[in-house]
Protein backbone atom coordinates (compact mmCIF):
# COMPACT_ATOMS: atom_id res chain seq x y z
CA MET A 1 -9.28 -23.42 16.06
CA THR A 2 -7.73 -20.78 14.04
CA GLY A 3 -8.12 -16.95 13.77
CA THR A 4 -9.86 -15.29 10.61
CA ILE A 5 -7.27 -15.09 7.69
CA ARG A 6 -7.73 -11.63 5.33
CA VAL A 7 -6.60 -10.97 2.15
CA GLY A 8 -6.75 -7.74 0.51
CA ILE A 9 -4.95 -4.69 -1.36
CA GLY A 10 -3.78 -1.19 -0.85
CA GLY A 11 -6.38 1.50 -1.72
CA TRP A 12 -8.40 1.00 -4.33
CA THR A 13 -7.98 3.62 -6.41
CA PHE A 14 -5.70 3.16 -9.06
CA GLU A 15 -6.22 3.49 -13.12
CA PRO A 16 -4.19 0.57 -14.40
CA TRP A 17 -7.13 -1.77 -12.26
CA ARG A 18 -9.52 -0.08 -14.34
CA GLY A 19 -10.84 -2.31 -17.51
CA THR A 20 -8.44 -5.07 -16.19
CA PHE A 21 -9.77 -5.74 -11.93
CA TYR A 22 -12.41 -3.09 -12.83
CA PRO A 23 -15.08 -3.78 -15.23
CA GLY A 24 -14.49 -1.23 -18.07
CA ASP A 25 -18.10 0.52 -17.79
CA LEU A 26 -17.79 0.53 -13.84
CA PRO A 27 -18.49 3.81 -12.30
CA GLN A 28 -15.08 5.44 -10.52
CA LYS A 29 -17.84 5.84 -7.67
CA ARG A 30 -18.37 2.39 -6.56
CA GLU A 31 -15.24 0.89 -7.39
CA LEU A 32 -14.66 0.44 -3.02
CA GLU A 33 -17.89 -1.16 -3.66
CA TYR A 34 -16.28 -3.53 -6.86
CA ALA A 35 -13.08 -4.13 -4.66
CA SER A 36 -14.53 -4.91 -1.58
CA ARG A 37 -16.19 -7.76 -2.64
CA LYS A 38 -13.40 -9.31 -4.07
CA VAL A 39 -10.81 -8.90 -1.49
CA THR A 40 -11.46 -9.16 1.96
CA ALA A 41 -9.47 -6.29 3.32
CA ILE A 42 -8.08 -2.98 2.31
CA GLU A 43 -4.85 -0.90 3.29
CA ILE A 44 -6.46 2.76 2.96
CA ASN A 45 -2.80 4.56 1.83
CA GLY A 46 -4.34 8.24 2.25
CA THR A 47 -4.62 8.50 5.79
CA TYR A 48 -0.54 8.09 5.90
CA TYR A 49 -0.66 11.47 4.06
CA SER A 50 -3.27 13.49 5.07
CA SER A 51 -6.55 13.45 7.69
CA GLN A 52 -10.02 12.01 6.19
CA LYS A 53 -13.33 13.12 7.34
CA PRO A 54 -15.25 11.44 9.80
CA GLU A 55 -17.88 11.41 7.44
CA SER A 56 -15.12 9.53 5.07
CA PHE A 57 -14.70 6.44 7.88
CA ALA A 58 -18.05 6.06 7.89
CA LYS A 59 -19.34 6.37 3.71
CA TRP A 60 -16.55 3.99 3.40
CA ARG A 61 -18.01 1.21 6.55
CA ALA A 62 -21.65 1.19 4.81
CA GLU A 63 -20.21 0.53 1.30
CA SER A 64 -18.37 -1.97 2.32
CA PRO A 65 -19.88 -5.79 2.61
CA ASP A 66 -19.83 -7.17 6.59
CA GLY A 67 -16.72 -9.23 7.59
CA PHE A 68 -14.97 -6.94 5.62
CA VAL A 69 -12.02 -5.03 7.48
CA PHE A 70 -10.18 -1.48 6.55
CA ALA A 71 -6.26 -1.57 7.96
CA LEU A 72 -5.24 1.98 7.82
CA LYS A 73 -1.55 3.73 7.87
CA GLY A 74 -0.64 5.89 10.87
CA THR A 75 -0.04 9.41 9.81
CA ARG A 76 3.22 10.08 8.59
CA PHE A 77 3.75 13.52 10.43
CA THR A 78 3.17 10.48 13.94
CA THR A 79 6.65 8.81 12.04
CA ASN A 80 8.52 11.01 10.43
CA ARG A 81 10.80 12.53 13.36
CA ARG A 82 14.13 12.90 15.19
CA ILE A 83 12.49 12.25 18.15
CA LEU A 84 9.25 10.06 18.49
CA ALA A 85 8.66 10.52 21.81
CA GLU A 86 7.56 14.00 21.32
CA ALA A 87 4.60 12.36 18.63
CA GLY A 88 1.86 12.39 21.61
CA GLU A 89 -0.05 14.92 20.00
CA SER A 90 0.21 13.70 16.13
CA ILE A 91 -1.09 10.29 17.90
CA GLU A 92 -4.27 11.71 19.41
CA ARG A 93 -5.55 13.85 16.21
CA PHE A 94 -5.24 10.82 14.27
CA ILE A 95 -6.81 8.38 16.46
CA THR A 96 -9.61 11.35 17.14
CA SER A 97 -10.11 12.04 13.14
CA GLY A 98 -12.94 9.52 13.36
CA VAL A 99 -11.22 6.57 12.94
CA THR A 100 -13.52 5.24 14.34
CA GLU A 101 -16.49 5.53 12.74
CA LEU A 102 -15.47 2.18 10.91
CA LYS A 103 -16.58 0.31 13.96
CA GLU A 104 -16.76 -3.11 13.96
CA LYS A 105 -14.58 -2.88 10.38
CA LEU A 106 -11.35 -1.23 11.85
CA GLY A 107 -8.42 -3.40 11.03
CA PRO A 108 -4.89 -2.42 12.67
CA ILE A 109 -3.15 0.69 12.10
CA ASN A 110 -0.17 0.82 10.44
CA TRP A 111 2.43 3.39 11.59
CA GLN A 112 4.88 2.98 8.71
CA PHE A 113 9.04 4.43 9.64
CA MET A 114 11.20 5.71 6.93
CA PRO A 115 13.84 3.67 5.65
CA THR A 116 16.27 5.98 7.18
CA LYS A 117 14.81 5.64 11.05
CA LYS A 118 17.25 3.54 13.15
CA PHE A 119 16.18 1.84 16.21
CA ASP A 120 16.60 3.98 19.41
CA PRO A 121 15.43 0.96 22.04
CA ALA A 122 14.41 3.88 24.44
CA ASP A 123 12.93 6.67 22.16
CA PHE A 124 10.72 3.56 20.32
CA GLU A 125 9.49 2.70 23.60
CA ALA A 126 8.61 6.23 24.41
CA PHE A 127 6.48 5.62 20.81
CA LEU A 128 4.83 2.67 21.55
CA LYS A 129 3.65 3.89 25.92
CA LEU A 130 2.03 6.36 23.65
CA LEU A 131 0.00 4.13 21.30
CA PRO A 132 -3.79 4.24 22.58
CA ALA A 133 -5.29 0.57 23.74
CA SER A 134 -8.69 1.80 22.57
CA HIS A 135 -10.75 5.16 21.70
CA ASP A 136 -14.43 5.73 21.93
CA GLY A 137 -15.03 2.29 23.69
CA GLN A 138 -12.88 0.49 20.97
CA ALA A 139 -10.26 -1.43 20.91
CA LEU A 140 -7.19 -0.24 18.85
CA ARG A 141 -4.83 -2.66 16.98
CA HIS A 142 -1.52 -1.82 16.26
CA VAL A 143 1.30 -2.90 13.56
CA VAL A 144 4.75 -1.15 13.58
CA GLU A 145 6.30 -0.95 9.45
CA VAL A 146 10.13 -0.21 10.18
CA ARG A 147 12.82 -0.47 7.10
CA HIS A 148 16.29 -0.34 9.04
CA PRO A 149 18.14 -3.73 9.32
CA SER A 150 19.17 -1.83 12.81
CA PHE A 151 15.52 -3.29 13.66
CA ARG A 152 16.63 -7.02 12.95
CA VAL A 153 17.77 -7.64 16.81
CA PRO A 154 15.90 -9.57 19.73
CA GLU A 155 15.85 -6.77 21.69
CA PHE A 156 13.64 -5.14 19.10
CA ILE A 157 10.72 -8.26 19.86
CA ALA A 158 10.98 -8.26 23.28
CA LEU A 159 10.08 -4.61 23.44
CA LEU A 160 6.98 -4.90 20.47
CA ARG A 161 5.87 -8.17 22.77
CA GLY A 162 5.69 -5.92 26.04
CA TYR A 163 3.42 -3.94 24.59
CA GLY A 164 1.53 -6.41 22.20
CA ILE A 165 2.03 -4.34 19.24
CA GLY A 166 2.44 -6.27 15.80
CA VAL A 167 5.46 -5.94 13.55
CA VAL A 168 4.79 -6.07 9.01
CA TYR A 169 6.38 -8.70 7.58
CA THR A 170 7.52 -7.64 4.36
CA ASP A 171 9.29 -10.39 1.19
CA LYS A 172 10.92 -7.25 -0.48
CA ASN A 173 14.57 -7.85 -0.28
CA GLU A 174 14.91 -4.11 0.19
CA PHE A 175 13.46 -4.09 3.88
CA PRO A 176 13.93 -6.00 7.17
CA GLU A 177 12.42 -9.47 6.84
CA ILE A 178 11.13 -9.77 10.83
CA ALA A 179 8.70 -12.60 10.66
CA ASP A 180 8.67 -13.09 14.76
CA VAL A 181 4.90 -12.40 16.15
CA THR A 182 4.85 -9.95 18.54
CA ALA A 183 1.33 -9.15 18.70
CA PRO A 184 -2.19 -11.49 18.72
CA PHE A 185 -2.13 -10.84 15.01
CA VAL A 186 0.10 -11.13 12.17
CA TYR A 187 0.69 -8.52 9.49
CA ALA A 188 2.17 -8.84 6.04
CA ARG A 189 2.53 -6.54 2.92
CA LEU A 190 3.81 -8.40 0.40
CA GLN A 191 5.61 -6.41 -1.68
CA SER A 192 7.62 -8.77 -4.69
CA ALA A 193 4.74 -9.21 -7.20
CA SER A 194 5.85 -9.73 -10.56
CA GLU A 195 4.22 -8.35 -14.19
CA ALA A 196 5.91 -11.93 -15.94
CA GLU A 197 3.37 -13.98 -13.30
CA GLU A 198 -0.34 -14.27 -14.14
CA SER A 199 -1.07 -13.65 -10.81
CA GLY A 200 1.81 -11.83 -9.67
CA TYR A 201 3.72 -14.67 -8.04
CA ALA A 202 3.82 -17.84 -9.28
CA PRO A 203 1.18 -20.78 -8.33
CA LYS A 204 3.92 -22.63 -5.47
CA VAL A 205 4.61 -19.30 -4.31
CA LEU A 206 1.46 -18.34 -3.49
CA SER A 207 0.80 -22.10 -2.21
CA GLN A 208 3.35 -21.24 0.17
CA TRP A 209 2.10 -17.89 1.51
CA ALA A 210 -0.80 -19.85 1.65
CA ASP A 211 0.76 -22.48 4.04
CA ARG A 212 2.24 -19.63 6.55
CA ALA A 213 -1.06 -17.89 7.05
CA GLN A 214 -2.69 -21.16 7.89
CA ALA A 215 0.25 -21.83 10.71
CA TRP A 216 -0.35 -18.31 12.08
CA ALA A 217 -3.93 -18.22 12.69
CA ARG A 218 -3.29 -21.79 14.35
CA GLY A 219 -1.20 -19.74 16.69
CA GLU A 220 2.15 -21.21 15.10
CA ASP A 221 5.31 -20.24 13.54
CA PRO A 222 5.69 -20.76 9.89
CA ALA A 223 8.78 -23.69 10.19
CA ASP A 224 10.15 -21.80 6.82
CA LEU A 225 10.48 -17.86 8.55
CA GLU A 226 13.54 -16.97 10.06
CA ARG A 227 13.08 -15.88 13.80
CA LEU A 228 15.03 -13.65 15.28
CA ALA A 229 13.68 -14.50 19.22
CA GLY A 230 12.09 -17.85 20.29
CA PRO A 231 8.13 -17.90 20.02
CA SER A 232 5.45 -15.75 21.22
CA ASP A 233 3.75 -15.91 24.76
CA GLY A 234 0.56 -16.73 22.56
CA ALA A 235 1.97 -19.13 20.73
CA GLY A 236 -1.11 -22.18 19.81
CA SER A 237 -3.58 -19.14 20.24
CA PRO A 238 -5.77 -18.43 17.43
CA ARG A 239 -5.05 -15.25 15.18
CA ASP A 240 -6.15 -12.95 12.60
CA VAL A 241 -4.11 -12.73 10.14
CA PHE A 242 -3.80 -10.09 7.27
CA VAL A 243 -2.06 -10.36 3.79
CA PHE A 244 -1.91 -7.40 1.61
CA MET A 245 -0.60 -7.29 -1.61
CA ILE A 246 0.74 -3.97 -1.66
CA ASN A 247 3.79 -4.05 -5.15
CA GLY A 248 6.50 -5.09 -7.10
CA PHE A 249 4.36 -4.95 -10.22
CA LYS A 250 1.04 -2.74 -8.67
CA PRO A 251 -1.08 -3.78 -11.88
CA LYS A 252 -1.34 -7.46 -10.34
CA ALA A 253 -2.22 -6.37 -6.56
CA PRO A 254 -5.93 -7.48 -7.19
CA ALA A 255 -5.34 -10.34 -9.25
CA ALA A 256 -2.29 -11.79 -6.14
CA ALA A 257 -4.99 -11.77 -3.67
CA MET A 258 -7.69 -13.04 -5.51
CA ALA A 259 -5.42 -15.99 -5.64
CA LEU A 260 -4.42 -16.40 -2.56
CA LEU A 261 -8.17 -16.26 -1.19
CA ALA A 262 -9.08 -18.87 -3.97
CA GLU A 263 -5.89 -21.09 -2.49
CA LEU A 264 -7.02 -20.66 0.32
CA ALA A 265 -11.00 -21.51 -0.04
CA GLY A 266 -9.52 -24.59 -1.75
CA ARG A 267 -8.21 -26.01 1.32
CA LYS A 268 -11.85 -26.18 3.10
CA GLY A 269 -13.36 -27.53 0.64
C-alpha cells in the first residue's frame, strides 16, 4: 500500500502563466478552475500576507474538483517574531479565520520562518505546543519551513517527531536541506526550476523526484537523500506526499508539476 502523491504549484495568479499555461482567452476568474484540473494541489501564498474571508475558502473549495487539496501558508504574524512562545493568539486567529471551510480539501498548513530565525529548542517547542491538532472537528496537519542552518541537527528532528509536525524539504541551495520524515506525511517545495529546461527540470531529475515521492509514499526513506537522524517511528506505513513546484524560474512551475504528474501516471500503466 502507498499514500497519495499530490503535485502542485504555488498559487494560481501569475501574469506570465497567461497565454503559456493558461489559454489566452481564459477569463482570469476561471484560472483556479483551470489550474486545479491540471495539477492535484495548490499552496496558497496569500494567507501568509493577509487574512482571507471564510467565503473565499468556501469558493475555492467549490471551484476545484473532488480529491484536490489546498495547502496554506500560515500567517507571517505568527512566525516573524522574536519569541515564538507568544504566538498563541496569532495562531488562533489564523485557524479560526475560516480555513476549515475548505473541509476535505484542506491540506497541511506551512509555517514558514525567515532565514534569520535560528533554532532555539525551548522556544521552538513552545511554538509546537501551540499548534492545534484539530478545529471545528477537523484534523489539522502542520509543517514548518525553516531556513537557518542551525536547524539542521538531530535535536530538531527529534522535537518535530515528538509532536508529529512535518518539516519542509527544499532543493534550494541557500536553505538547509532536511530530508528526515517527521510526520505521517511528506512536504517538499522544489525551487530550482530552470528556464533552459522545457519542463523546468530535466527529465532525468523529474524521474528522480518520482522515485523519491514513491519511496516516501510507501513509508520508505529515499536512499539518495541524506538524513540527520534515524528512520521515523512510522517507517513502513503509507504516507501522503505533497510536492510543490514553487520557483527558481517560476514561469516553468506548471510545466514542471504536470511533467512530474505525467511521469508518475506513466508508472501506473
